[in-house]
Amino acid sequence: MCTDLRLVRLSDLHVSARTLDFSFETQSQIEIVPRGQQWQAAATDGALSWSNHLGFVALNGLGFPDYFADGLNEAGLSVGTLWLPETKLPATAPAGVTPAIDFLSVAGWLLGTCASVQEVKTALSSVRVWNPPLRVLWPAQRPMPKGLEALADWAIPEHLAIHDAHGHDLVVEFLDGQMRVHDNPAGVLTNSPTFDWHLTNLRNYVGLTNVEDQPYSLSGIAVTPTGNGTGLLGMPGDVTPPSRFVRATVMAQTVTAAADAHAAINQAFHCLNLVSVPRHLAASGDYTQWSVARDHDNRVLYVRAYDSWATDAHDLAALGVTSEGARRTLAMPAVVTPTG
């Protein structure tokens, strides 16, 4: 379970945010990736290789340093991966003359080579995407952690939420072996079902608004609202993907002003509070392990972790990603122990 949103009504500020929800401990770290790194997709006929001409900061996971669950690059483009069980890609690279790339490499490739949503569309049309199980991708010389062994034969099923600094939003899904690319007017993505289903489902909530209801007469009986927020009566409150999609869409549509980027980032994190999943709430074990907010204009990635009360700000320029240099890893926000 994950939720991604952009505050689409802020015309002069481009801010997005997401939660990462999972039951398996992802053990994510923050990767600082300057320009000029050399990359190789998983070995197969015609495997893609590339050098990133754009630096980025990203969060890895599952013990794979090059699998990026989310990131922001120096051009203000972000790529996030969210769980989608309907994903169906071949386990071996399909035949073709275009280069092949495994799905877990796609986010890093796009972050390192694309500056806009339009460039993402062009790039994706130039490759063959396949999705081998984790066992195939795991380095042979490194023992697999016992906690990951249960997932070793899985091919991770995910779709992509992509935003840029120009206010463009994109969803990319892989269904029945075919790539489907959707412009995303809502600026929101969650999980199952597929994106087009969620847009249709919004028709069930056309009456949701942050405008307060007014008293009215019901057969001569005066009926008054019970309190503030009456325009949002009927907004679903559970943690299923359809309900989180509706809540996130309502929030993205009702945030119409922010004094500056700091205020917009603050608002984005507060929006995530309404879709975050606490530990022990879902019987599956899924919970919000970390959250990020992305300032696409100033190129700053903000990170929060479940057990930390801190928010770490990662300024891409200050971290040196816009020049060539050594790649390095940072820890997630530290756990703060209350005193007194």
C-alpha atoms as a PDB file:
ATOM      1  CA  MET A   1       0.000   0.000   0.000  1.00  0.00           C
ATOM      2  CA  CYS A   2       1.322   3.445  -0.946  1.00  0.00           C
ATOM      3  CA  THR A   3      -0.158   6.845  -1.764  1.00  0.00           C
ATOM      4  CA  ASP A   4       1.300   9.500  -4.063  1.00  0.00           C
ATOM      5  CA  LEU A   5      -0.120  12.990  -4.646  1.00  0.00           C
ATOM      6  CA  ARG A   6       0.774  16.397  -6.047  1.00  0.00           C
ATOM      7  CA  LEU A   7      -0.844  19.646  -4.881  1.00  0.00           C
ATOM      8  CA  VAL A   8      -2.178  20.314  -8.375  1.00  0.00           C
ATOM      9  CA  ARG A   9      -4.048  23.525  -7.498  1.00  0.00           C
ATOM     10  CA  LEU A  10      -0.859  25.396  -6.566  1.00  0.00           C
ATOM     11  CA  SER A  11      -0.195  27.068  -9.904  1.00  0.00           C
ATOM     12  CA  ASP A  12       3.168  28.648  -8.996  1.00  0.00           C
ATOM     13  CA  LEU A  13       4.537  25.918  -6.714  1.00  0.00           C
ATOM     14  CA  HIS A  14       5.238  22.347  -7.725  1.00  0.00           C
ATOM     15  CA  VAL A  15       5.197  20.084  -4.677  1.00  0.00           C
ATOM     16  CA  SER A  16       4.379  16.379  -4.469  1.00  0.00           C
ATOM     17  CA  ALA A  17       4.600  13.729  -1.761  1.00  0.00           C
ATOM     18  CA  ARG A  18       4.137  10.027  -1.127  1.00  0.00           C
ATOM     19  CA  THR A  19       4.038   7.304   1.509  1.00  0.00           C
ATOM     20  CA  LEU A  20       5.851   3.968   1.236  1.00  0.00           C
ATOM     21  CA  ASP A  21       3.707   1.267   2.831  1.00  0.00           C
ATOM     22  CA  PHE A  22       4.925  -2.311   3.069  1.00  0.00           C
ATOM     23  CA  SER A  23       4.824  -5.244   5.500  1.00  0.00           C
ATOM     24  CA  PHE A  24       8.361  -6.457   4.801  1.00  0.00           C
ATOM     25  CA  GLU A  25      10.988  -4.145   6.303  1.00  0.00           C
ATOM     26  CA  THR A  26      12.465  -2.428   3.244  1.00  0.00           C
ATOM     27  CA  GLN A  27      15.585  -1.200   5.099  1.00  0.00           C
ATOM     28  CA  SER A  28      15.696   1.818   2.793  1.00  0.00           C
ATOM     29  CA  GLN A  29      18.675   4.136   2.582  1.00  0.00           C
ATOM     30  CA  ILE A  30      19.129   7.453   0.802  1.00  0.00           C
ATOM     31  CA  GLU A  31      21.375   7.312  -2.251  1.00  0.00           C
ATOM     32  CA  ILE A  32      23.221  10.441  -3.418  1.00  0.00           C
ATOM     33  CA  VAL A  33      23.892   9.913  -7.127  1.00  0.00           C
ATOM     34  CA  PRO A  34      25.989  12.587  -8.896  1.00  0.00           C
ATOM     35  CA  ARG A  35      26.208  12.836 -12.665  1.00  0.00           C
ATOM     36  CA  GLY A  36      28.346  10.469 -14.676  1.00  0.00           C
ATOM     37  CA  GLN A  37      27.699   7.089 -13.000  1.00  0.00           C
ATOM     38  CA  GLN A  38      27.800   4.021 -15.242  1.00  0.00           C
ATOM     39  CA  TRP A  39      24.806   1.688 -15.211  1.00  0.00           C
ATOM     40  CA  GLN A  40      23.928  -1.712 -16.631  1.00  0.00           C
ATOM     41  CA  ALA A  41      20.472  -3.282 -16.760  1.00  0.00           C
ATOM     42  CA  ALA A  42      20.079  -6.935 -15.797  1.00  0.00           C
ATOM     43  CA  ALA A  43      21.965  -9.226 -18.141  1.00  0.00           C
ATOM     44  CA  THR A  44      19.999 -10.364 -21.181  1.00  0.00           C
ATOM     45  CA  ASP A  45      20.242 -10.032 -24.943  1.00  0.00           C
ATOM     46  CA  GLY A  46      20.469  -6.341 -25.820  1.00  0.00           C
ATOM     47  CA  ALA A  47      20.554  -5.153 -22.185  1.00  0.00           C
ATOM     48  CA  LEU A  48      20.543  -1.381 -21.842  1.00  0.00           C
ATOM     49  CA  SER A  49      23.590   0.426 -20.491  1.00  0.00           C
ATOM     50  CA  TRP A  50      23.781   4.145 -19.806  1.00  0.00           C
ATOM     51  CA  SER A  51      25.462   7.006 -17.981  1.00  0.00           C
ATOM     52  CA  ASN A  52      23.316   9.423 -15.993  1.00  0.00           C
ATOM     53  CA  HIS A  53      23.761  12.997 -17.187  1.00  0.00           C
ATOM     54  CA  LEU A  54      21.354  14.140 -14.463  1.00  0.00           C
ATOM     55  CA  GLY A  55      22.199  13.773 -10.785  1.00  0.00           C
ATOM     56  CA  PHE A  56      19.548  12.651  -8.322  1.00  0.00           C
ATOM     57  CA  VAL A  57      18.731  11.665  -4.755  1.00  0.00           C
ATOM     58  CA  ALA A  58      16.683   8.500  -4.237  1.00  0.00           C
ATOM     59  CA  LEU A  59      15.570   5.964  -1.633  1.00  0.00           C
ATOM     60  CA  ASN A  60      16.517   2.350  -2.274  1.00  0.00           C
ATOM     61  CA  GLY A  61      14.995  -0.766  -0.763  1.00  0.00           C
ATOM     62  CA  LEU A  62      14.968  -4.538  -0.285  1.00  0.00           C
ATOM     63  CA  GLY A  63      18.757  -4.647  -0.095  1.00  0.00           C
ATOM     64  CA  PHE A  64      19.227  -3.550  -3.713  1.00  0.00           C
ATOM     65  CA  PRO A  65      21.356  -0.375  -3.852  1.00  0.00           C
ATOM     66  CA  ASP A  66      20.219   0.308  -7.432  1.00  0.00           C
ATOM     67  CA  TYR A  67      16.501  -0.366  -6.908  1.00  0.00           C
ATOM     68  CA  PHE A  68      14.970   3.042  -6.256  1.00  0.00           C
ATOM     69  CA  ALA A  69      11.492   3.213  -4.769  1.00  0.00           C
ATOM     70  CA  ASP A  70      11.433   6.992  -5.077  1.00  0.00           C
ATOM     71  CA  GLY A  71      13.666   9.861  -6.119  1.00  0.00           C
ATOM     72  CA  LEU A  72      14.043  13.438  -7.350  1.00  0.00           C
ATOM     73  CA  ASN A  73      16.555  14.604  -9.953  1.00  0.00           C
ATOM     74  CA  GLU A  74      18.315  17.910 -10.594  1.00  0.00           C
ATOM     75  CA  ALA A  75      15.787  18.855 -13.291  1.00  0.00           C
ATOM     76  CA  GLY A  76      12.900  18.542 -10.818  1.00  0.00           C
ATOM     77  CA  LEU A  77      11.575  15.223 -12.148  1.00  0.00           C
ATOM     78  CA  SER A  78      10.447  12.621  -9.614  1.00  0.00           C
ATOM     79  CA  VAL A  79       9.792   8.913 -10.091  1.00  0.00           C
ATOM     80  CA  GLY A  80       7.973   6.782  -7.515  1.00  0.00           C
ATOM     81  CA  THR A  81       7.126   3.079  -7.587  1.00  0.00           C
ATOM     82  CA  LEU A  82       3.869   1.881  -6.009  1.00  0.00           C
ATOM     83  CA  TRP A  83       2.546  -1.662  -5.622  1.00  0.00           C
ATOM     84  CA  LEU A  84       0.116  -2.875  -8.298  1.00  0.00           C
ATOM     85  CA  PRO A  85      -0.783  -6.606  -8.240  1.00  0.00           C
ATOM     86  CA  GLU A  86      -2.304  -6.363 -11.737  1.00  0.00           C
ATOM     87  CA  THR A  87       1.166  -5.779 -13.206  1.00  0.00           C
ATOM     88  CA  LYS A  88       2.068  -8.405 -15.801  1.00  0.00           C
ATOM     89  CA  LEU A  89       5.439  -8.311 -17.537  1.00  0.00           C
ATOM     90  CA  PRO A  90       7.429 -11.144 -19.100  1.00  0.00           C
ATOM     91  CA  ALA A  91       9.940 -12.869 -16.797  1.00  0.00           C
ATOM     92  CA  THR A  92      12.406 -12.994 -19.695  1.00  0.00           C
ATOM     93  CA  ALA A  93      13.252 -10.130 -21.995  1.00  0.00           C
ATOM     94  CA  PRO A  94      10.936 -10.072 -25.026  1.00  0.00           C
ATOM     95  CA  ALA A  95      12.533 -10.322 -28.436  1.00  0.00           C
ATOM     96  CA  GLY A  96      13.212  -7.072 -30.252  1.00  0.00           C
ATOM     97  CA  VAL A  97      15.838  -4.742 -31.602  1.00  0.00           C
ATOM     98  CA  THR A  98      15.355  -2.037 -28.952  1.00  0.00           C
ATOM     99  CA  PRO A  99      17.383  -2.218 -25.709  1.00  0.00           C
ATOM    100  CA  ALA A 100      16.001  -4.270 -22.808  1.00  0.00           C
ATOM    101  CA  ILE A 101      15.742  -3.082 -19.211  1.00  0.00           C
ATOM    102  CA  ASP A 102      14.506  -4.921 -16.146  1.00  0.00           C
ATOM    103  CA  PHE A 103      11.709  -3.173 -14.272  1.00  0.00           C
ATOM    104  CA  LEU A 104      13.705  -2.609 -11.070  1.00  0.00           C
ATOM    105  CA  SER A 105      16.216  -0.545 -13.076  1.00  0.00           C
ATOM    106  CA  VAL A 106      13.607   1.676 -14.720  1.00  0.00           C
ATOM    107  CA  ALA A 107      13.275   4.289 -11.949  1.00  0.00           C
ATOM    108  CA  GLY A 108      17.023   4.916 -11.753  1.00  0.00           C
ATOM    109  CA  TRP A 109      17.309   5.068 -15.531  1.00  0.00           C
ATOM    110  CA  LEU A 110      14.518   7.647 -15.823  1.00  0.00           C
ATOM    111  CA  LEU A 111      15.854   9.741 -12.937  1.00  0.00           C
ATOM    112  CA  GLY A 112      19.308   9.827 -14.495  1.00  0.00           C
ATOM    113  CA  THR A 113      18.298  10.595 -18.066  1.00  0.00           C
ATOM    114  CA  CYS A 114      14.942  12.437 -18.184  1.00  0.00           C
ATOM    115  CA  ALA A 115      14.187  16.067 -17.301  1.00  0.00           C
ATOM    116  CA  SER A 116      10.434  16.102 -17.951  1.00  0.00           C
ATOM    117  CA  VAL A 117       7.333  13.953 -18.289  1.00  0.00           C
ATOM    118  CA  GLN A 118       7.556  14.314 -22.066  1.00  0.00           C
ATOM    119  CA  GLU A 119      11.117  12.982 -22.042  1.00  0.00           C
ATOM    120  CA  VAL A 120       9.914  10.036 -19.926  1.00  0.00           C
ATOM    121  CA  LYS A 121       7.291   9.176 -22.544  1.00  0.00           C
ATOM    122  CA  THR A 122       9.900   9.248 -25.287  1.00  0.00           C
ATOM    123  CA  ALA A 123      12.399   7.203 -23.283  1.00  0.00           C
ATOM    124  CA  LEU A 124       9.930   4.482 -22.351  1.00  0.00           C
ATOM    125  CA  SER A 125       8.900   4.049 -25.979  1.00  0.00           C
ATOM    126  CA  SER A 126      12.530   3.183 -26.825  1.00  0.00           C
ATOM    127  CA  VAL A 127      13.002   0.105 -24.578  1.00  0.00           C
ATOM    128  CA  ARG A 128      11.677  -3.369 -23.867  1.00  0.00           C
ATOM    129  CA  VAL A 129      10.754  -3.771 -20.188  1.00  0.00           C
ATOM    130  CA  TRP A 130      10.843  -7.153 -18.478  1.00  0.00           C
ATOM    131  CA  ASN A 131      10.528  -8.224 -14.853  1.00  0.00           C
ATOM    132  CA  PRO A 132      12.633 -11.133 -13.592  1.00  0.00           C
ATOM    133  CA  PRO A 133      12.165 -12.477 -10.040  1.00  0.00           C
ATOM    134  CA  LEU A 134      14.364 -11.050  -7.305  1.00  0.00           C
ATOM    135  CA  ARG A 135      16.437 -14.246  -7.178  1.00  0.00           C
ATOM    136  CA  VAL A 136      17.693 -13.560 -10.711  1.00  0.00           C
ATOM    137  CA  LEU A 137      18.704  -9.998  -9.840  1.00  0.00           C
ATOM    138  CA  TRP A 138      20.371 -10.715  -6.489  1.00  0.00           C
ATOM    139  CA  PRO A 139      24.202 -10.644  -6.656  1.00  0.00           C
ATOM    140  CA  ALA A 140      25.513 -14.221  -6.632  1.00  0.00           C
ATOM    141  CA  GLN A 141      28.413 -13.377  -4.314  1.00  0.00           C
ATOM    142  CA  ARG A 142      26.189 -11.862  -1.616  1.00  0.00           C
ATOM    143  CA  PRO A 143      24.002 -14.013   0.706  1.00  0.00           C
ATOM    144  CA  MET A 144      20.339 -13.076   0.527  1.00  0.00           C
ATOM    145  CA  PRO A 145      18.909 -11.889   3.882  1.00  0.00           C
ATOM    146  CA  LYS A 146      16.589 -14.475   5.402  1.00  0.00           C
ATOM    147  CA  GLY A 147      13.770 -11.955   5.563  1.00  0.00           C
ATOM    148  CA  LEU A 148      13.967 -11.460   1.799  1.00  0.00           C
ATOM    149  CA  GLU A 149      13.985 -15.159   0.931  1.00  0.00           C
ATOM    150  CA  ALA A 150      10.192 -15.275   1.075  1.00  0.00           C
ATOM    151  CA  LEU A 151      10.111 -12.772  -1.791  1.00  0.00           C
ATOM    152  CA  ALA A 152      12.954 -14.309  -3.799  1.00  0.00           C
ATOM    153  CA  ASP A 153      10.714 -15.824  -6.470  1.00  0.00           C
ATOM    154  CA  TRP A 154       8.588 -12.710  -6.842  1.00  0.00           C
ATOM    155  CA  ALA A 155       8.778 -10.323  -9.733  1.00  0.00           C
ATOM    156  CA  ILE A 156       7.892  -7.093  -7.948  1.00  0.00           C
ATOM    157  CA  PRO A 157       4.580  -5.798  -9.399  1.00  0.00           C
ATOM    158  CA  GLU A 158       4.515  -2.004  -9.429  1.00  0.00           C
ATOM    159  CA  HIS A 159       3.397   1.015 -11.398  1.00  0.00           C
ATOM    160  CA  LEU A 160       5.053   4.435 -11.633  1.00  0.00           C
ATOM    161  CA  ALA A 161       3.969   7.879 -10.422  1.00  0.00           C
ATOM    162  CA  ILE A 162       5.957  10.604 -12.180  1.00  0.00           C
ATOM    163  CA  HIS A 163       5.882  14.399 -11.712  1.00  0.00           C
ATOM    164  CA  ASP A 164       7.999  17.185 -13.157  1.00  0.00           C
ATOM    165  CA  ALA A 165       8.782  20.835 -12.417  1.00  0.00           C
ATOM    166  CA  HIS A 166       6.387  22.018 -15.136  1.00  0.00           C
ATOM    167  CA  GLY A 167       3.232  20.722 -13.461  1.00  0.00           C
ATOM    168  CA  HIS A 168       2.910  17.551 -15.541  1.00  0.00           C
ATOM    169  CA  ASP A 169       1.911  14.246 -13.952  1.00  0.00           C
ATOM    170  CA  LEU A 170       2.118  10.747 -15.399  1.00  0.00           C
ATOM    171  CA  VAL A 171       1.147   7.191 -14.474  1.00  0.00           C
ATOM    172  CA  VAL A 172       2.855   4.216 -16.143  1.00  0.00           C
ATOM    173  CA  GLU A 173       1.436   0.710 -15.806  1.00  0.00           C
ATOM    174  CA  PHE A 174       2.383  -2.631 -17.353  1.00  0.00           C
ATOM    175  CA  LEU A 175      -0.695  -4.766 -17.931  1.00  0.00           C
ATOM    176  CA  ASP A 176      -0.808  -8.036 -19.878  1.00  0.00           C
ATOM    177  CA  GLY A 177       2.704  -7.383 -21.081  1.00  0.00           C
ATOM    178  CA  GLN A 178       1.810  -3.981 -22.526  1.00  0.00           C
ATOM    179  CA  MET A 179       2.849  -0.551 -21.254  1.00  0.00           C
ATOM    180  CA  ARG A 180       0.017   1.891 -20.601  1.00  0.00           C
ATOM    181  CA  VAL A 181       0.872   5.560 -20.130  1.00  0.00           C
ATOM    182  CA  HIS A 182      -1.702   7.921 -18.614  1.00  0.00           C
ATOM    183  CA  ASP A 183      -1.578  11.666 -18.130  1.00  0.00           C
ATOM    184  CA  ASN A 184      -2.760  12.191 -14.566  1.00  0.00           C
ATOM    185  CA  PRO A 185      -5.055  15.210 -14.086  1.00  0.00           C
ATOM    186  CA  ALA A 186      -5.768  14.229 -10.471  1.00  0.00           C
ATOM    187  CA  GLY A 187      -2.068  14.114  -9.595  1.00  0.00           C
ATOM    188  CA  VAL A 188      -2.801  11.069  -7.379  1.00  0.00           C
ATOM    189  CA  LEU A 189      -1.905   7.380  -7.422  1.00  0.00           C
ATOM    190  CA  THR A 190      -2.441   4.522  -4.969  1.00  0.00           C
ATOM    191  CA  ASN A 191      -2.586   0.779  -5.656  1.00  0.00           C
ATOM    192  CA  SER A 192      -5.089  -1.773  -6.963  1.00  0.00           C
ATOM    193  CA  PRO A 193      -7.180  -1.588  -9.119  1.00  0.00           C
ATOM    194  CA  THR A 194      -5.592   0.061 -12.140  1.00  0.00           C
ATOM    195  CA  PHE A 195      -5.424   3.837 -12.592  1.00  0.00           C
ATOM    196  CA  ASP A 196      -8.320   4.109 -15.068  1.00  0.00           C
ATOM    197  CA  TRP A 197     -10.604   2.316 -12.565  1.00  0.00           C
ATOM    198  CA  HIS A 198      -9.752   4.866  -9.861  1.00  0.00           C
ATOM    199  CA  LEU A 199     -10.634   7.773 -12.143  1.00  0.00           C
ATOM    200  CA  THR A 200     -14.001   6.175 -12.896  1.00  0.00           C
ATOM    201  CA  ASN A 201     -14.585   5.545  -9.182  1.00  0.00           C
ATOM    202  CA  LEU A 202     -14.319   9.286  -8.492  1.00  0.00           C
ATOM    203  CA  ARG A 203     -17.797   9.580 -10.045  1.00  0.00           C
ATOM    204  CA  ASN A 204     -19.136   8.061  -6.812  1.00  0.00           C
ATOM    205  CA  TYR A 205     -17.820  11.061  -4.851  1.00  0.00           C
ATOM    206  CA  VAL A 206     -18.730  14.059  -7.005  1.00  0.00           C
ATOM    207  CA  GLY A 207     -20.434  15.758  -4.033  1.00  0.00           C
ATOM    208  CA  LEU A 208     -17.337  15.960  -1.818  1.00  0.00           C
ATOM    209  CA  THR A 209     -16.294  19.542  -1.142  1.00  0.00           C
ATOM    210  CA  ASN A 210     -14.660  21.587   1.588  1.00  0.00           C
ATOM    211  CA  VAL A 211     -17.584  24.042   1.442  1.00  0.00           C
ATOM    212  CA  GLU A 212     -19.794  23.768   4.504  1.00  0.00           C
ATOM    213  CA  ASP A 213     -23.400  22.567   4.153  1.00  0.00           C
ATOM    214  CA  GLN A 214     -26.146  25.046   5.039  1.00  0.00           C
ATOM    215  CA  PRO A 215     -29.147  24.469   7.340  1.00  0.00           C
ATOM    216  CA  TYR A 216     -32.325  23.501   5.533  1.00  0.00           C
ATOM    217  CA  SER A 217     -35.937  22.618   6.241  1.00  0.00           C
ATOM    218  CA  LEU A 218     -36.990  18.985   6.014  1.00  0.00           C
ATOM    219  CA  SER A 219     -40.807  18.899   5.946  1.00  0.00           C
ATOM    220  CA  GLY A 220     -40.846  21.823   8.342  1.00  0.00           C
ATOM    221  CA  ILE A 221     -38.140  20.403  10.575  1.00  0.00           C
ATOM    222  CA  ALA A 222     -35.041  22.577  10.892  1.00  0.00           C
ATOM    223  CA  VAL A 223     -31.990  20.465  10.090  1.00  0.00           C
ATOM    224  CA  THR A 224     -28.613  21.997  10.886  1.00  0.00           C
ATOM    225  CA  PRO A 225     -25.107  20.655  10.212  1.00  0.00           C
ATOM    226  CA  THR A 226     -23.472  18.771  13.063  1.00  0.00           C
ATOM    227  CA  GLY A 227     -20.169  20.641  12.857  1.00  0.00           C
ATOM    228  CA  ASN A 228     -17.360  21.741  10.593  1.00  0.00           C
ATOM    229  CA  GLY A 229     -16.434  19.703   7.532  1.00  0.00           C
ATOM    230  CA  THR A 230     -19.962  18.764   6.507  1.00  0.00           C
ATOM    231  CA  GLY A 231     -19.145  19.089   2.810  1.00  0.00           C
ATOM    232  CA  LEU A 232     -16.859  16.080   3.217  1.00  0.00           C
ATOM    233  CA  LEU A 233     -19.530  13.778   4.625  1.00  0.00           C
ATOM    234  CA  GLY A 234     -19.210  10.443   2.863  1.00  0.00           C
ATOM    235  CA  MET A 235     -15.481  10.626   2.229  1.00  0.00           C
ATOM    236  CA  PRO A 236     -14.229   7.053   2.816  1.00  0.00           C
ATOM    237  CA  GLY A 237     -11.949   6.642   5.814  1.00  0.00           C
ATOM    238  CA  ASP A 238     -10.504   3.127   5.474  1.00  0.00           C
ATOM    239  CA  VAL A 239      -6.992   2.324   4.250  1.00  0.00           C
ATOM    240  CA  THR A 240      -7.870   0.452   1.051  1.00  0.00           C
ATOM    241  CA  PRO A 241      -6.336   1.844  -2.152  1.00  0.00           C
ATOM    242  CA  PRO A 242      -9.670   3.124  -3.562  1.00  0.00           C
ATOM    243  CA  SER A 243     -10.464   4.997  -0.344  1.00  0.00           C
ATOM    244  CA  ARG A 244      -6.974   6.486  -0.093  1.00  0.00           C
ATOM    245  CA  PHE A 245      -7.194   7.548  -3.753  1.00  0.00           C
ATOM    246  CA  VAL A 246     -10.422   9.436  -3.045  1.00  0.00           C
ATOM    247  CA  ARG A 247      -9.046  11.118   0.088  1.00  0.00           C
ATOM    248  CA  ALA A 248      -5.797  12.082  -1.625  1.00  0.00           C
ATOM    249  CA  THR A 249      -7.683  13.505  -4.612  1.00  0.00           C
ATOM    250  CA  VAL A 250      -9.929  15.602  -2.390  1.00  0.00           C
ATOM    251  CA  MET A 251      -6.902  16.966  -0.550  1.00  0.00           C
ATOM    252  CA  ALA A 252      -4.980  17.688  -3.735  1.00  0.00           C
ATOM    253  CA  GLN A 253      -7.960  19.603  -5.097  1.00  0.00           C
ATOM    254  CA  THR A 254      -8.693  21.640  -1.973  1.00  0.00           C
ATOM    255  CA  VAL A 255      -5.156  22.930  -1.313  1.00  0.00           C
ATOM    256  CA  THR A 256      -5.392  26.125  -3.360  1.00  0.00           C
ATOM    257  CA  ALA A 257      -2.863  28.406  -1.661  1.00  0.00           C
ATOM    258  CA  ALA A 258       0.530  28.309   0.056  1.00  0.00           C
ATOM    259  CA  ALA A 259       2.654  31.285   1.040  1.00  0.00           C
ATOM    260  CA  ASP A 260       5.889  29.695  -0.158  1.00  0.00           C
ATOM    261  CA  ALA A 261       7.589  26.374  -0.821  1.00  0.00           C
ATOM    262  CA  HIS A 262       8.068  25.681   2.903  1.00  0.00           C
ATOM    263  CA  ALA A 263       4.344  26.108   3.518  1.00  0.00           C
ATOM    264  CA  ALA A 264       3.515  23.882   0.547  1.00  0.00           C
ATOM    265  CA  ILE A 265       5.835  21.114   1.764  1.00  0.00           C
ATOM    266  CA  ASN A 266       4.303  21.365   5.234  1.00  0.00           C
ATOM    267  CA  GLN A 267       0.825  21.106   3.734  1.00  0.00           C
ATOM    268  CA  ALA A 268       1.842  18.096   1.632  1.00  0.00           C
ATOM    269  CA  PHE A 269       3.046  16.207   4.703  1.00  0.00           C
ATOM    270  CA  HIS A 270      -0.187  17.025   6.518  1.00  0.00           C
ATOM    271  CA  CYS A 271      -2.119  15.655   3.536  1.00  0.00           C
ATOM    272  CA  LEU A 272      -0.120  12.441   3.837  1.00  0.00           C
ATOM    273  CA  ASN A 273      -1.242  12.177   7.470  1.00  0.00           C
ATOM    274  CA  LEU A 274      -4.741  11.385   6.203  1.00  0.00           C
ATOM    275  CA  VAL A 275      -3.530   8.463   4.082  1.00  0.00           C
ATOM    276  CA  SER A 276      -0.694   7.117   6.246  1.00  0.00           C
ATOM    277  CA  VAL A 277      -1.137   3.650   7.746  1.00  0.00           C
ATOM    278  CA  PRO A 278      -0.030   3.136  11.384  1.00  0.00           C
ATOM    279  CA  ARG A 279       1.591  -0.098  12.507  1.00  0.00           C
ATOM    280  CA  HIS A 280      -0.841  -2.834  13.566  1.00  0.00           C
ATOM    281  CA  LEU A 281      -3.862  -1.268  11.833  1.00  0.00           C
ATOM    282  CA  ALA A 282      -3.753  -3.551   8.784  1.00  0.00           C
ATOM    283  CA  ALA A 283      -3.733  -7.270   9.519  1.00  0.00           C
ATOM    284  CA  SER A 284      -1.435  -7.748   6.519  1.00  0.00           C
ATOM    285  CA  GLY A 285       1.301  -5.952   8.455  1.00  0.00           C
ATOM    286  CA  ASP A 286       1.546  -3.125   5.937  1.00  0.00           C
ATOM    287  CA  TYR A 287       2.364   0.252   7.460  1.00  0.00           C
ATOM    288  CA  THR A 288       3.863   3.546   6.318  1.00  0.00           C
ATOM    289  CA  GLN A 289       7.589   2.948   6.702  1.00  0.00           C
ATOM    290  CA  TRP A 290       8.605   6.333   5.326  1.00  0.00           C
ATOM    291  CA  SER A 291       7.245   9.383   3.558  1.00  0.00           C
ATOM    292  CA  VAL A 292       8.802  11.944   1.260  1.00  0.00           C
ATOM    293  CA  ALA A 293       7.811  15.367   0.003  1.00  0.00           C
ATOM    294  CA  ARG A 294       9.390  16.745  -3.148  1.00  0.00           C
ATOM    295  CA  ASP A 295      10.055  20.396  -3.946  1.00  0.00           C
ATOM    296  CA  HIS A 296      10.287  20.198  -7.732  1.00  0.00           C
ATOM    297  CA  ASP A 297      11.125  23.891  -8.102  1.00  0.00           C
ATOM    298  CA  ASN A 298      14.003  24.146  -5.621  1.00  0.00           C
ATOM    299  CA  ARG A 299      15.102  20.511  -6.021  1.00  0.00           C
ATOM    300  CA  VAL A 300      14.854  19.502  -2.374  1.00  0.00           C
ATOM    301  CA  LEU A 301      13.737  16.049  -1.197  1.00  0.00           C
ATOM    302  CA  TYR A 302      12.274  15.887   2.318  1.00  0.00           C
ATOM    303  CA  VAL A 303      12.273  12.518   4.102  1.00  0.00           C
ATOM    304  CA  ARG A 304      10.452  11.254   7.193  1.00  0.00           C
ATOM    305  CA  ALA A 305      10.675   7.781   8.740  1.00  0.00           C
ATOM    306  CA  TYR A 306       8.059   6.033  10.858  1.00  0.00           C
ATOM    307  CA  ASP A 307      10.079   5.901  14.068  1.00  0.00           C
ATOM    308  CA  SER A 308      11.576   9.377  13.763  1.00  0.00           C
ATOM    309  CA  TRP A 309      10.134  12.739  14.700  1.00  0.00           C
ATOM    310  CA  ALA A 310      12.604  14.453  12.403  1.00  0.00           C
ATOM    311  CA  THR A 311      12.306  15.566   8.772  1.00  0.00           C
ATOM    312  CA  ASP A 312      15.562  15.548   6.809  1.00  0.00           C
ATOM    313  CA  ALA A 313      15.903  18.001   3.916  1.00  0.00           C
ATOM    314  CA  HIS A 314      18.190  16.933   1.069  1.00  0.00           C
ATOM    315  CA  ASP A 315      19.090  19.864  -1.178  1.00  0.00           C
ATOM    316  CA  LEU A 316      20.333  18.312  -4.411  1.00  0.00           C
ATOM    317  CA  ALA A 317      22.649  21.172  -5.348  1.00  0.00           C
ATOM    318  CA  ALA A 318      24.191  21.300  -1.864  1.00  0.00           C
ATOM    319  CA  LEU A 319      24.786  17.548  -2.032  1.00  0.00           C
ATOM    320  CA  GLY A 320      26.752  17.970  -5.253  1.00  0.00           C
ATOM    321  CA  VAL A 321      24.660  15.840  -7.595  1.00  0.00           C
ATOM    322  CA  THR A 322      24.943  18.436 -10.380  1.00  0.00           C
ATOM    323  CA  SER A 323      28.651  17.620 -10.817  1.00  0.00           C
ATOM    324  CA  GLU A 324      30.444  14.350 -11.365  1.00  0.00           C
ATOM    325  CA  GLY A 325      31.678  12.678  -8.210  1.00  0.00           C
ATOM    326  CA  ALA A 326      31.495   9.608  -6.021  1.00  0.00           C
ATOM    327  CA  ARG A 327      28.164   8.088  -5.195  1.00  0.00           C
ATOM    328  CA  ARG A 328      27.395   7.821  -1.469  1.00  0.00           C
ATOM    329  CA  THR A 329      24.704   6.660   0.937  1.00  0.00           C
ATOM    330  CA  LEU A 330      22.966   8.489   3.778  1.00  0.00           C
ATOM    331  CA  ALA A 331      20.942   7.014   6.620  1.00  0.00           C
ATOM    332  CA  MET A 332      17.257   7.629   7.086  1.00  0.00           C
ATOM    333  CA  PRO A 333      16.180  10.242   9.682  1.00  0.00           C
ATOM    334  CA  ALA A 334      17.395   9.318  13.133  1.00  0.00           C
ATOM    335  CA  VAL A 335      15.047   8.100  15.852  1.00  0.00           C
ATOM    336  CA  VAL A 336      14.498  10.865  18.397  1.00  0.00           C
ATOM    337  CA  THR A 337      14.142   9.655  22.006  1.00  0.00           C
ATOM    338  CA  PRO A 338      12.022  11.967  24.181  1.00  0.00           C
ATOM    339  CA  THR A 339      13.784  13.337  27.252  1.00  0.00           C
ATOM    340  CA  GLY A 340      12.497  14.743  30.499  1.00  0.00           C
END
